[in-house]
Amino acid sequence: MTTSRAATDPALRVLTWDVMASGGYETCWAEPGADTLRARGRAVGLTPEPYWISYTLETGEGFVTRRLTVTAETAARTRTLDLRRDDAGRWTADGERLPEVDGALDCDLGLCPLTNTMPVLRHRMHRERGEREFLMAWVSVPDLTVRASRQTYTHLARTGGGGGRVRYASGTFRSDLDLDADGFVLDYPGLARRLTAR
């Protein structure tokens, strides 16, 4: 008889989303600590073209990104990305410097609701009033191009079970995210909705 790790490790969260924005799904295994987050996940999508990706994420203290590795496969090709942030706040992609995102604390993997979690947890945005502006190292899917992205998170309300509602804004895009007590996305209108086992 095999026992699943999720059943034996209470810190491990298994999260699955219906990602409407891509016409696909994502599942990740997340290990939140008191001040850190590790995760690995896989996703499939149809938009902007059929693809599948796998990723691993590691943060340091304060939920600050240390490393994101991504593999994306389409019918035409396979791409990989090794995105890293050092202790001085400098970013590299596959060893090449990315000065346009220097100083950013977080990566943001496109079409991935998991990567909204780090800034929320760092500033307790799902539980405490406030508005924060961030510079993100945003990764486009499936081409894995890294760009600087300015984003704003605003606490809107506490919700049942210790969760909260947070408004995400970037450019002209706005969406009000529902988050659980651990800061993980339950509902991201226009992008994804979490699924539960029946």
N, C-alpha and C. Protein backbone atom coordinates (compact mmCIF):
# COMPACT_ATOMS: atom_id res chain seq x y z
N MET A 1 0.85 -1.19 0.00
CA MET A 1 0.00 0.00 0.00
C MET A 1 0.89 1.24 0.00
N THR A 2 0.57 2.20 -0.86
CA THR A 2 1.34 3.43 -0.97
C THR A 2 0.60 4.56 -0.28
N THR A 3 1.30 5.33 0.53
CA THR A 3 0.72 6.50 1.19
C THR A 3 1.19 7.75 0.48
N SER A 4 0.29 8.62 0.10
CA SER A 4 0.67 9.83 -0.61
C SER A 4 1.42 10.77 0.33
N ARG A 5 2.33 11.55 -0.25
CA ARG A 5 3.07 12.52 0.56
C ARG A 5 2.13 13.55 1.15
N ALA A 6 1.09 13.94 0.37
CA ALA A 6 0.13 14.94 0.86
C ALA A 6 -0.56 14.46 2.13
N ALA A 7 -0.76 13.14 2.22
CA ALA A 7 -1.44 12.60 3.39
C ALA A 7 -0.53 12.57 4.61
N THR A 8 0.79 12.50 4.40
CA THR A 8 1.73 12.38 5.51
C THR A 8 2.44 13.69 5.85
N ASP A 9 2.37 14.68 4.97
CA ASP A 9 3.04 15.97 5.20
C ASP A 9 1.98 17.05 5.27
N PRO A 10 1.63 17.50 6.49
CA PRO A 10 0.55 18.48 6.63
C PRO A 10 0.89 19.83 6.02
N ALA A 11 2.19 20.11 5.79
CA ALA A 11 2.57 21.40 5.21
C ALA A 11 2.38 21.42 3.70
N LEU A 12 2.30 20.26 3.06
CA LEU A 12 2.19 20.19 1.61
C LEU A 12 0.76 20.48 1.17
N ARG A 13 0.61 21.45 0.26
CA ARG A 13 -0.69 21.78 -0.31
C ARG A 13 -0.71 21.35 -1.78
N VAL A 14 -1.72 20.62 -2.17
CA VAL A 14 -1.90 20.24 -3.56
C VAL A 14 -3.05 21.09 -4.10
N LEU A 15 -2.76 21.94 -5.08
CA LEU A 15 -3.71 22.93 -5.58
C LEU A 15 -3.91 22.73 -7.07
N THR A 16 -5.17 22.74 -7.51
CA THR A 16 -5.48 22.61 -8.93
C THR A 16 -6.44 23.71 -9.33
N TRP A 17 -6.13 24.36 -10.46
CA TRP A 17 -6.97 25.42 -10.98
C TRP A 17 -7.45 25.11 -12.39
N ASP A 18 -8.68 25.50 -12.66
CA ASP A 18 -9.20 25.59 -14.03
C ASP A 18 -8.76 26.96 -14.54
N VAL A 19 -7.83 26.97 -15.49
CA VAL A 19 -7.26 28.23 -15.97
C VAL A 19 -8.02 28.64 -17.23
N MET A 20 -9.07 29.43 -17.05
CA MET A 20 -9.92 29.81 -18.17
C MET A 20 -9.16 30.64 -19.20
N ALA A 21 -8.22 31.44 -18.73
CA ALA A 21 -7.49 32.33 -19.64
C ALA A 21 -6.67 31.57 -20.68
N SER A 22 -6.25 30.35 -20.34
CA SER A 22 -5.47 29.54 -21.28
C SER A 22 -6.26 28.39 -21.88
N GLY A 23 -7.49 28.18 -21.39
CA GLY A 23 -8.27 27.02 -21.81
C GLY A 23 -7.69 25.73 -21.28
N GLY A 24 -7.01 25.79 -20.11
CA GLY A 24 -6.34 24.60 -19.59
C GLY A 24 -6.45 24.46 -18.09
N TYR A 25 -5.50 23.75 -17.51
CA TYR A 25 -5.49 23.45 -16.08
C TYR A 25 -4.07 23.54 -15.54
N GLU A 26 -3.98 23.74 -14.23
CA GLU A 26 -2.69 23.73 -13.56
C GLU A 26 -2.83 23.02 -12.22
N THR A 27 -1.83 22.21 -11.89
CA THR A 27 -1.74 21.60 -10.57
C THR A 27 -0.37 21.89 -10.01
N CYS A 28 -0.30 22.27 -8.73
CA CYS A 28 1.00 22.46 -8.10
C CYS A 28 1.01 21.84 -6.72
N TRP A 29 2.22 21.47 -6.31
CA TRP A 29 2.49 20.97 -4.98
C TRP A 29 3.25 22.09 -4.27
N ALA A 30 2.61 22.73 -3.31
CA ALA A 30 3.19 23.90 -2.64
C ALA A 30 3.54 23.55 -1.21
N GLU A 31 4.72 24.01 -0.79
CA GLU A 31 5.19 23.79 0.57
C GLU A 31 5.45 25.14 1.23
N PRO A 32 4.42 25.75 1.82
CA PRO A 32 4.64 27.03 2.51
C PRO A 32 5.28 26.82 3.87
N GLY A 33 6.28 27.65 4.14
CA GLY A 33 6.88 27.67 5.48
C GLY A 33 6.44 28.92 6.20
N ALA A 34 7.03 29.19 7.35
CA ALA A 34 6.66 30.38 8.11
C ALA A 34 6.98 31.64 7.34
N ASP A 35 8.04 31.60 6.51
CA ASP A 35 8.49 32.81 5.81
C ASP A 35 9.01 32.49 4.41
N THR A 36 8.76 31.27 3.93
CA THR A 36 9.27 30.83 2.64
C THR A 36 8.22 30.02 1.90
N LEU A 37 8.46 29.80 0.62
CA LEU A 37 7.56 28.99 -0.20
C LEU A 37 8.39 28.22 -1.22
N ARG A 38 8.10 26.95 -1.32
CA ARG A 38 8.65 26.11 -2.37
C ARG A 38 7.48 25.47 -3.09
N ALA A 39 7.59 25.30 -4.40
CA ALA A 39 6.50 24.71 -5.15
C ALA A 39 7.01 24.10 -6.45
N ARG A 40 6.26 23.14 -6.94
CA ARG A 40 6.50 22.61 -8.27
C ARG A 40 5.14 22.37 -8.89
N GLY A 41 5.04 22.62 -10.18
CA GLY A 41 3.74 22.50 -10.81
C GLY A 41 3.83 22.16 -12.28
N ARG A 42 2.67 21.81 -12.82
CA ARG A 42 2.54 21.51 -14.24
C ARG A 42 1.23 22.12 -14.74
N ALA A 43 1.26 22.56 -15.98
CA ALA A 43 0.07 23.18 -16.58
C ALA A 43 -0.01 22.82 -18.04
N VAL A 44 -1.24 22.75 -18.53
CA VAL A 44 -1.49 22.60 -19.96
C VAL A 44 -2.44 23.71 -20.37
N GLY A 45 -2.30 24.19 -21.60
CA GLY A 45 -3.17 25.24 -22.08
C GLY A 45 -3.30 25.21 -23.59
N LEU A 46 -4.28 25.94 -24.08
CA LEU A 46 -4.54 26.02 -25.52
C LEU A 46 -4.25 27.39 -26.09
N THR A 47 -4.18 28.42 -25.23
CA THR A 47 -4.00 29.80 -25.67
C THR A 47 -2.71 30.35 -25.09
N PRO A 48 -1.87 31.01 -25.89
CA PRO A 48 -2.06 31.43 -27.28
C PRO A 48 -1.84 30.33 -28.31
N GLU A 49 -1.33 29.17 -27.87
CA GLU A 49 -1.18 27.98 -28.70
C GLU A 49 -1.12 26.79 -27.74
N PRO A 50 -1.42 25.58 -28.21
CA PRO A 50 -1.35 24.44 -27.30
C PRO A 50 0.05 24.27 -26.71
N TYR A 51 0.12 24.08 -25.39
CA TYR A 51 1.41 23.95 -24.72
C TYR A 51 1.23 23.18 -23.43
N TRP A 52 2.36 22.69 -22.92
CA TRP A 52 2.41 22.29 -21.53
C TRP A 52 3.68 22.81 -20.90
N ILE A 53 3.61 23.08 -19.61
CA ILE A 53 4.78 23.58 -18.89
C ILE A 53 4.95 22.83 -17.58
N SER A 54 6.17 22.81 -17.11
CA SER A 54 6.47 22.37 -15.75
C SER A 54 7.37 23.43 -15.12
N TYR A 55 7.23 23.62 -13.81
CA TYR A 55 8.03 24.66 -13.16
C TYR A 55 8.37 24.25 -11.73
N THR A 56 9.44 24.84 -11.22
CA THR A 56 9.77 24.77 -9.79
C THR A 56 10.04 26.18 -9.32
N LEU A 57 9.63 26.46 -8.11
CA LEU A 57 9.80 27.78 -7.51
C LEU A 57 10.42 27.63 -6.14
N GLU A 58 11.38 28.48 -5.85
CA GLU A 58 11.99 28.51 -4.52
C GLU A 58 12.13 29.96 -4.08
N THR A 59 11.66 30.26 -2.87
CA THR A 59 11.86 31.60 -2.32
C THR A 59 12.80 31.53 -1.13
N GLY A 60 13.34 32.70 -0.77
CA GLY A 60 14.08 32.84 0.47
C GLY A 60 13.17 33.43 1.53
N GLU A 61 13.76 33.99 2.57
CA GLU A 61 12.98 34.60 3.64
C GLU A 61 12.18 35.77 3.11
N GLY A 62 11.01 35.98 3.71
CA GLY A 62 10.13 37.05 3.27
C GLY A 62 9.43 36.73 1.97
N PHE A 63 9.42 35.44 1.59
CA PHE A 63 8.77 34.99 0.35
C PHE A 63 9.37 35.66 -0.89
N VAL A 64 10.64 36.04 -0.81
CA VAL A 64 11.33 36.68 -1.92
C VAL A 64 11.89 35.61 -2.85
N THR A 65 11.60 35.74 -4.14
CA THR A 65 12.03 34.73 -5.11
C THR A 65 13.54 34.55 -5.11
N ARG A 66 13.96 33.29 -5.08
CA ARG A 66 15.37 32.95 -5.31
C ARG A 66 15.54 32.37 -6.72
N ARG A 67 14.64 31.46 -7.08
CA ARG A 67 14.82 30.79 -8.37
C ARG A 67 13.48 30.27 -8.89
N LEU A 68 13.28 30.45 -10.18
CA LEU A 68 12.15 29.86 -10.91
C LEU A 68 12.73 29.15 -12.13
N THR A 69 12.47 27.87 -12.25
CA THR A 69 12.86 27.14 -13.46
C THR A 69 11.59 26.70 -14.17
N VAL A 70 11.57 26.87 -15.49
CA VAL A 70 10.38 26.54 -16.29
C VAL A 70 10.81 25.82 -17.56
N THR A 71 10.06 24.79 -17.91
CA THR A 71 10.18 24.15 -19.22
C THR A 71 8.82 24.26 -19.89
N ALA A 72 8.81 24.77 -21.12
CA ALA A 72 7.57 24.93 -21.88
C ALA A 72 7.72 24.21 -23.20
N GLU A 73 6.73 23.40 -23.53
CA GLU A 73 6.78 22.64 -24.78
C GLU A 73 5.54 22.95 -25.62
N THR A 74 5.77 23.25 -26.90
CA THR A 74 4.71 23.39 -27.90
C THR A 74 5.00 22.41 -29.02
N ALA A 75 4.12 22.39 -30.03
CA ALA A 75 4.36 21.49 -31.16
C ALA A 75 5.63 21.85 -31.90
N ALA A 76 6.01 23.14 -31.85
CA ALA A 76 7.17 23.60 -32.63
C ALA A 76 8.49 23.44 -31.91
N ARG A 77 8.48 23.59 -30.56
CA ARG A 77 9.77 23.58 -29.87
C ARG A 77 9.60 23.43 -28.37
N THR A 78 10.74 23.18 -27.71
CA THR A 78 10.81 23.16 -26.25
C THR A 78 11.72 24.29 -25.80
N ARG A 79 11.25 25.07 -24.81
CA ARG A 79 12.03 26.17 -24.27
C ARG A 79 12.26 25.92 -22.79
N THR A 80 13.36 26.44 -22.28
CA THR A 80 13.63 26.36 -20.85
C THR A 80 14.05 27.73 -20.34
N LEU A 81 13.82 27.96 -19.07
CA LEU A 81 14.20 29.22 -18.42
C LEU A 81 14.70 28.91 -17.02
N ASP A 82 15.83 29.50 -16.68
CA ASP A 82 16.36 29.45 -15.31
C ASP A 82 16.49 30.89 -14.83
N LEU A 83 15.49 31.34 -14.08
CA LEU A 83 15.40 32.72 -13.62
C LEU A 83 15.84 32.77 -12.17
N ARG A 84 16.82 33.65 -11.88
CA ARG A 84 17.37 33.71 -10.53
C ARG A 84 17.49 35.15 -10.04
N ARG A 85 17.34 35.29 -8.71
CA ARG A 85 17.55 36.58 -8.04
C ARG A 85 18.60 36.37 -6.96
N ASP A 86 19.63 37.23 -6.94
CA ASP A 86 20.65 37.08 -5.91
C ASP A 86 20.33 37.96 -4.71
N ASP A 87 21.18 37.88 -3.68
CA ASP A 87 20.91 38.60 -2.43
C ASP A 87 21.01 40.11 -2.58
N ALA A 88 21.63 40.58 -3.67
CA ALA A 88 21.73 42.01 -3.93
C ALA A 88 20.55 42.52 -4.77
N GLY A 89 19.61 41.64 -5.10
CA GLY A 89 18.44 42.05 -5.88
C GLY A 89 18.66 42.06 -7.37
N ARG A 90 19.74 41.41 -7.84
CA ARG A 90 20.02 41.33 -9.28
C ARG A 90 19.43 40.04 -9.84
N TRP A 91 18.85 40.17 -11.04
CA TRP A 91 18.20 39.03 -11.69
C TRP A 91 18.99 38.59 -12.91
N THR A 92 18.94 37.27 -13.16
CA THR A 92 19.50 36.71 -14.39
C THR A 92 18.51 35.72 -14.97
N ALA A 93 18.55 35.59 -16.30
CA ALA A 93 17.78 34.57 -17.01
C ALA A 93 18.78 33.74 -17.80
N ASP A 94 18.91 32.47 -17.43
CA ASP A 94 19.90 31.59 -18.07
C ASP A 94 21.29 32.19 -18.02
N GLY A 95 21.60 32.86 -16.91
CA GLY A 95 22.91 33.43 -16.70
C GLY A 95 23.10 34.83 -17.25
N GLU A 96 22.14 35.33 -18.03
CA GLU A 96 22.24 36.67 -18.61
C GLU A 96 21.56 37.69 -17.69
N ARG A 97 22.22 38.81 -17.45
CA ARG A 97 21.67 39.84 -16.56
C ARG A 97 20.38 40.43 -17.11
N LEU A 98 19.48 40.78 -16.17
CA LEU A 98 18.20 41.41 -16.49
C LEU A 98 18.08 42.71 -15.69
N PRO A 99 18.83 43.75 -16.07
CA PRO A 99 18.83 44.97 -15.25
C PRO A 99 17.48 45.64 -15.15
N GLU A 100 16.58 45.42 -16.12
CA GLU A 100 15.28 46.08 -16.09
C GLU A 100 14.40 45.60 -14.94
N VAL A 101 14.72 44.44 -14.35
CA VAL A 101 13.93 43.96 -13.20
C VAL A 101 14.73 43.96 -11.91
N ASP A 102 15.93 44.50 -11.91
CA ASP A 102 16.71 44.59 -10.68
C ASP A 102 15.91 45.32 -9.60
N GLY A 103 15.95 44.78 -8.41
CA GLY A 103 15.21 45.35 -7.30
C GLY A 103 13.86 44.70 -7.07
N ALA A 104 13.33 43.99 -8.08
CA ALA A 104 12.07 43.26 -7.89
C ALA A 104 12.27 42.15 -6.87
N LEU A 105 11.23 41.85 -6.13
CA LEU A 105 11.29 40.80 -5.13
C LEU A 105 10.67 39.50 -5.62
N ASP A 106 9.80 39.61 -6.64
CA ASP A 106 9.01 38.46 -7.05
C ASP A 106 9.10 38.18 -8.54
N CYS A 107 8.99 36.89 -8.87
CA CYS A 107 8.68 36.50 -10.24
C CYS A 107 7.17 36.40 -10.37
N ASP A 108 6.68 36.45 -11.60
CA ASP A 108 5.26 36.29 -11.87
C ASP A 108 5.16 35.47 -13.15
N LEU A 109 4.85 34.18 -13.01
CA LEU A 109 4.74 33.30 -14.16
C LEU A 109 3.37 33.50 -14.80
N GLY A 110 3.36 33.85 -16.07
CA GLY A 110 2.11 34.14 -16.76
C GLY A 110 1.11 33.01 -16.68
N LEU A 111 -0.16 33.35 -16.49
CA LEU A 111 -1.27 32.40 -16.43
C LEU A 111 -1.17 31.43 -15.26
N CYS A 112 -0.36 31.79 -14.26
CA CYS A 112 -0.11 30.90 -13.11
C CYS A 112 -0.60 31.57 -11.83
N PRO A 113 -1.73 31.14 -11.27
CA PRO A 113 -2.25 31.79 -10.06
C PRO A 113 -1.38 31.60 -8.83
N LEU A 114 -0.49 30.61 -8.83
CA LEU A 114 0.37 30.41 -7.67
C LEU A 114 1.24 31.63 -7.39
N THR A 115 1.78 32.27 -8.42
CA THR A 115 2.77 33.32 -8.18
C THR A 115 2.17 34.64 -7.73
N ASN A 116 0.86 34.69 -7.51
CA ASN A 116 0.26 35.83 -6.82
C ASN A 116 0.43 35.71 -5.30
N THR A 117 0.82 34.54 -4.85
CA THR A 117 0.84 34.26 -3.41
C THR A 117 1.95 35.01 -2.68
N MET A 118 3.14 35.12 -3.29
CA MET A 118 4.28 35.66 -2.53
C MET A 118 4.07 37.08 -2.03
N PRO A 119 3.68 38.05 -2.88
CA PRO A 119 3.47 39.40 -2.34
C PRO A 119 2.32 39.48 -1.35
N VAL A 120 1.30 38.64 -1.55
CA VAL A 120 0.18 38.62 -0.61
C VAL A 120 0.65 38.19 0.77
N LEU A 121 1.43 37.11 0.84
CA LEU A 121 1.89 36.62 2.14
C LEU A 121 2.89 37.58 2.78
N ARG A 122 3.79 38.14 1.97
CA ARG A 122 4.81 39.03 2.54
C ARG A 122 4.18 40.20 3.29
N HIS A 123 3.09 40.74 2.74
CA HIS A 123 2.46 41.93 3.32
C HIS A 123 1.09 41.65 3.94
N ARG A 124 0.77 40.35 4.07
CA ARG A 124 -0.52 39.95 4.67
C ARG A 124 -1.68 40.68 4.01
N MET A 125 -1.61 40.78 2.69
CA MET A 125 -2.62 41.55 1.96
C MET A 125 -4.01 40.93 2.05
N HIS A 126 -4.10 39.64 2.29
CA HIS A 126 -5.41 38.99 2.38
C HIS A 126 -6.06 39.21 3.75
N ARG A 127 -5.28 39.77 4.70
CA ARG A 127 -5.80 39.94 6.06
C ARG A 127 -5.75 41.37 6.57
N GLU A 128 -4.88 42.18 6.01
CA GLU A 128 -4.68 43.53 6.56
C GLU A 128 -4.89 44.60 5.50
N ARG A 129 -5.42 45.73 5.92
CA ARG A 129 -5.67 46.84 5.01
C ARG A 129 -4.37 47.38 4.44
N GLY A 130 -4.48 47.88 3.22
CA GLY A 130 -3.31 48.50 2.62
C GLY A 130 -3.29 48.34 1.11
N GLU A 131 -2.41 49.09 0.50
CA GLU A 131 -2.18 49.00 -0.94
C GLU A 131 -0.68 49.02 -1.17
N ARG A 132 -0.20 48.15 -2.03
CA ARG A 132 1.23 48.04 -2.31
C ARG A 132 1.47 48.00 -3.81
N GLU A 133 2.54 48.68 -4.24
CA GLU A 133 2.96 48.62 -5.63
C GLU A 133 4.24 47.80 -5.73
N PHE A 134 4.33 46.98 -6.78
CA PHE A 134 5.45 46.07 -6.94
C PHE A 134 6.01 46.14 -8.36
N LEU A 135 7.31 45.89 -8.45
CA LEU A 135 7.95 45.59 -9.71
C LEU A 135 8.14 44.08 -9.75
N MET A 136 7.68 43.44 -10.82
CA MET A 136 7.76 41.99 -10.94
C MET A 136 8.60 41.59 -12.15
N ALA A 137 9.24 40.43 -12.03
CA ALA A 137 9.88 39.79 -13.18
C ALA A 137 8.84 38.86 -13.78
N TRP A 138 8.13 39.37 -14.79
CA TRP A 138 6.99 38.65 -15.38
C TRP A 138 7.46 37.77 -16.52
N VAL A 139 7.01 36.51 -16.50
CA VAL A 139 7.42 35.52 -17.49
C VAL A 139 6.24 35.18 -18.39
N SER A 140 6.37 35.47 -19.67
CA SER A 140 5.32 35.18 -20.65
C SER A 140 5.31 33.68 -20.97
N VAL A 141 4.12 33.12 -21.10
CA VAL A 141 3.94 31.70 -21.42
C VAL A 141 3.23 31.58 -22.76
N PRO A 142 3.70 30.72 -23.69
CA PRO A 142 4.74 29.71 -23.50
C PRO A 142 6.13 30.11 -24.01
N ASP A 143 6.33 31.37 -24.41
CA ASP A 143 7.63 31.73 -24.99
C ASP A 143 8.71 31.99 -23.95
N LEU A 144 8.33 32.15 -22.67
CA LEU A 144 9.25 32.31 -21.54
C LEU A 144 10.12 33.56 -21.64
N THR A 145 9.60 34.60 -22.28
CA THR A 145 10.26 35.91 -22.28
C THR A 145 10.04 36.58 -20.93
N VAL A 146 11.08 37.20 -20.38
CA VAL A 146 10.98 37.89 -19.09
C VAL A 146 10.91 39.39 -19.32
N ARG A 147 9.91 40.03 -18.70
CA ARG A 147 9.73 41.48 -18.83
C ARG A 147 9.48 42.07 -17.46
N ALA A 148 9.76 43.35 -17.32
CA ALA A 148 9.40 44.08 -16.10
C ALA A 148 7.90 44.36 -16.12
N SER A 149 7.25 44.19 -14.98
CA SER A 149 5.81 44.43 -14.87
C SER A 149 5.52 45.17 -13.58
N ARG A 150 4.84 46.33 -13.69
CA ARG A 150 4.40 47.09 -12.52
C ARG A 150 3.01 46.61 -12.13
N GLN A 151 2.84 46.25 -10.87
CA GLN A 151 1.57 45.71 -10.40
C GLN A 151 1.20 46.33 -9.06
N THR A 152 -0.10 46.43 -8.81
CA THR A 152 -0.61 46.96 -7.55
C THR A 152 -1.56 45.94 -6.92
N TYR A 153 -1.38 45.71 -5.63
CA TYR A 153 -2.27 44.85 -4.85
C TYR A 153 -2.94 45.71 -3.79
N THR A 154 -4.28 45.61 -3.67
CA THR A 154 -5.04 46.39 -2.70
C THR A 154 -5.96 45.47 -1.90
N HIS A 155 -5.84 45.52 -0.59
CA HIS A 155 -6.74 44.74 0.27
C HIS A 155 -8.15 45.33 0.17
N LEU A 156 -9.14 44.45 -0.08
CA LEU A 156 -10.53 44.90 -0.17
C LEU A 156 -11.36 44.47 1.02
N ALA A 157 -11.18 43.21 1.48
CA ALA A 157 -12.04 42.71 2.56
C ALA A 157 -11.48 41.41 3.11
N ARG A 158 -11.85 41.13 4.35
CA ARG A 158 -11.66 39.80 4.91
C ARG A 158 -12.83 38.94 4.47
N THR A 159 -12.57 37.66 4.26
CA THR A 159 -13.64 36.74 3.88
C THR A 159 -13.66 35.57 4.85
N GLY A 160 -14.63 34.67 4.68
CA GLY A 160 -14.78 33.56 5.60
C GLY A 160 -13.57 32.65 5.64
N GLY A 161 -13.37 32.04 6.81
CA GLY A 161 -12.30 31.07 6.97
C GLY A 161 -10.91 31.68 7.05
N GLY A 162 -10.81 32.97 7.28
CA GLY A 162 -9.51 33.62 7.40
C GLY A 162 -8.91 34.09 6.11
N GLY A 163 -9.66 33.96 5.03
CA GLY A 163 -9.16 34.42 3.73
C GLY A 163 -9.44 35.89 3.51
N GLY A 164 -9.26 36.32 2.26
CA GLY A 164 -9.50 37.73 1.96
C GLY A 164 -9.69 37.97 0.47
N ARG A 165 -10.07 39.20 0.16
CA ARG A 165 -10.23 39.63 -1.23
C ARG A 165 -9.24 40.76 -1.49
N VAL A 166 -8.48 40.61 -2.58
CA VAL A 166 -7.43 41.55 -2.93
C VAL A 166 -7.59 41.94 -4.39
N ARG A 167 -7.52 43.24 -4.66
CA ARG A 167 -7.59 43.71 -6.05
C ARG A 167 -6.19 43.71 -6.66
N TYR A 168 -6.07 43.03 -7.79
CA TYR A 168 -4.83 43.02 -8.57
C TYR A 168 -4.99 43.97 -9.74
N ALA A 169 -3.98 44.80 -9.98
CA ALA A 169 -4.04 45.73 -11.11
C ALA A 169 -2.67 45.80 -11.78
N SER A 170 -2.69 45.81 -13.10
CA SER A 170 -1.47 46.00 -13.89
C SER A 170 -1.87 46.66 -15.20
N GLY A 171 -1.38 47.86 -15.44
CA GLY A 171 -1.82 48.61 -16.61
C GLY A 171 -3.31 48.89 -16.50
N THR A 172 -4.07 48.53 -17.53
CA THR A 172 -5.52 48.75 -17.52
C THR A 172 -6.29 47.54 -17.00
N PHE A 173 -5.57 46.46 -16.67
CA PHE A 173 -6.23 45.23 -16.21
C PHE A 173 -6.48 45.30 -14.71
N ARG A 174 -7.69 44.88 -14.30
CA ARG A 174 -8.07 44.80 -12.89
C ARG A 174 -8.80 43.49 -12.66
N SER A 175 -8.57 42.89 -11.50
CA SER A 175 -9.34 41.71 -11.11
C SER A 175 -9.31 41.59 -9.59
N ASP A 176 -10.44 41.21 -8.99
CA ASP A 176 -10.55 41.06 -7.55
C ASP A 176 -10.40 39.59 -7.19
N LEU A 177 -9.29 39.25 -6.55
CA LEU A 177 -8.94 37.87 -6.25
C LEU A 177 -9.48 37.46 -4.90
N ASP A 178 -10.09 36.27 -4.83
CA ASP A 178 -10.46 35.66 -3.56
C ASP A 178 -9.35 34.68 -3.17
N LEU A 179 -8.87 34.82 -1.93
CA LEU A 179 -7.74 34.03 -1.45
C LEU A 179 -8.13 33.25 -0.20
N ASP A 180 -7.52 32.08 -0.02
CA ASP A 180 -7.81 31.32 1.19
C ASP A 180 -6.95 31.84 2.34
N ALA A 181 -7.06 31.19 3.49
CA ALA A 181 -6.35 31.66 4.68
C ALA A 181 -4.84 31.58 4.54
N ASP A 182 -4.35 30.74 3.64
CA ASP A 182 -2.92 30.59 3.41
C ASP A 182 -2.40 31.48 2.29
N GLY A 183 -3.28 32.33 1.72
CA GLY A 183 -2.86 33.27 0.69
C GLY A 183 -2.85 32.71 -0.72
N PHE A 184 -3.42 31.51 -0.92
CA PHE A 184 -3.48 30.92 -2.25
C PHE A 184 -4.79 31.28 -2.94
N VAL A 185 -4.73 31.48 -4.24
CA VAL A 185 -5.89 31.92 -5.01
C VAL A 185 -6.99 30.87 -5.02
N LEU A 186 -8.20 31.31 -4.66
CA LEU A 186 -9.41 30.50 -4.84
C LEU A 186 -10.09 30.85 -6.15
N ASP A 187 -10.22 32.16 -6.40
CA ASP A 187 -10.90 32.62 -7.61
C ASP A 187 -10.20 33.88 -8.11
N TYR A 188 -9.82 33.84 -9.37
CA TYR A 188 -9.15 34.97 -10.03
C TYR A 188 -9.97 35.24 -11.28
N PRO A 189 -11.03 36.07 -11.16
CA PRO A 189 -11.92 36.29 -12.29
C PRO A 189 -11.15 36.70 -13.54
N GLY A 190 -11.48 36.03 -14.63
CA GLY A 190 -10.81 36.28 -15.89
C GLY A 190 -9.57 35.45 -16.13
N LEU A 191 -9.08 34.77 -15.07
CA LEU A 191 -7.90 33.94 -15.24
C LEU A 191 -8.10 32.51 -14.77
N ALA A 192 -8.46 32.29 -13.50
CA ALA A 192 -8.48 30.92 -13.00
C ALA A 192 -9.40 30.78 -11.80
N ARG A 193 -9.86 29.53 -11.59
CA ARG A 193 -10.68 29.21 -10.43
C ARG A 193 -10.21 27.88 -9.87
N ARG A 194 -10.04 27.82 -8.53
CA ARG A 194 -9.55 26.61 -7.92
C ARG A 194 -10.60 25.50 -7.94
N LEU A 195 -10.15 24.29 -8.18
CA LEU A 195 -11.00 23.11 -8.18
C LEU A 195 -10.80 22.33 -6.90
N THR A 196 -11.82 21.63 -6.46
CA THR A 196 -11.73 20.78 -5.28
C THR A 196 -12.12 19.36 -5.66
N ALA A 197 -11.54 18.39 -4.97
CA ALA A 197 -11.84 16.99 -5.24
C ALA A 197 -13.28 16.69 -4.83
N ARG A 198 -13.95 15.88 -5.62
CA ARG A 198 -15.33 15.51 -5.30
C ARG A 198 -15.37 14.21 -4.51
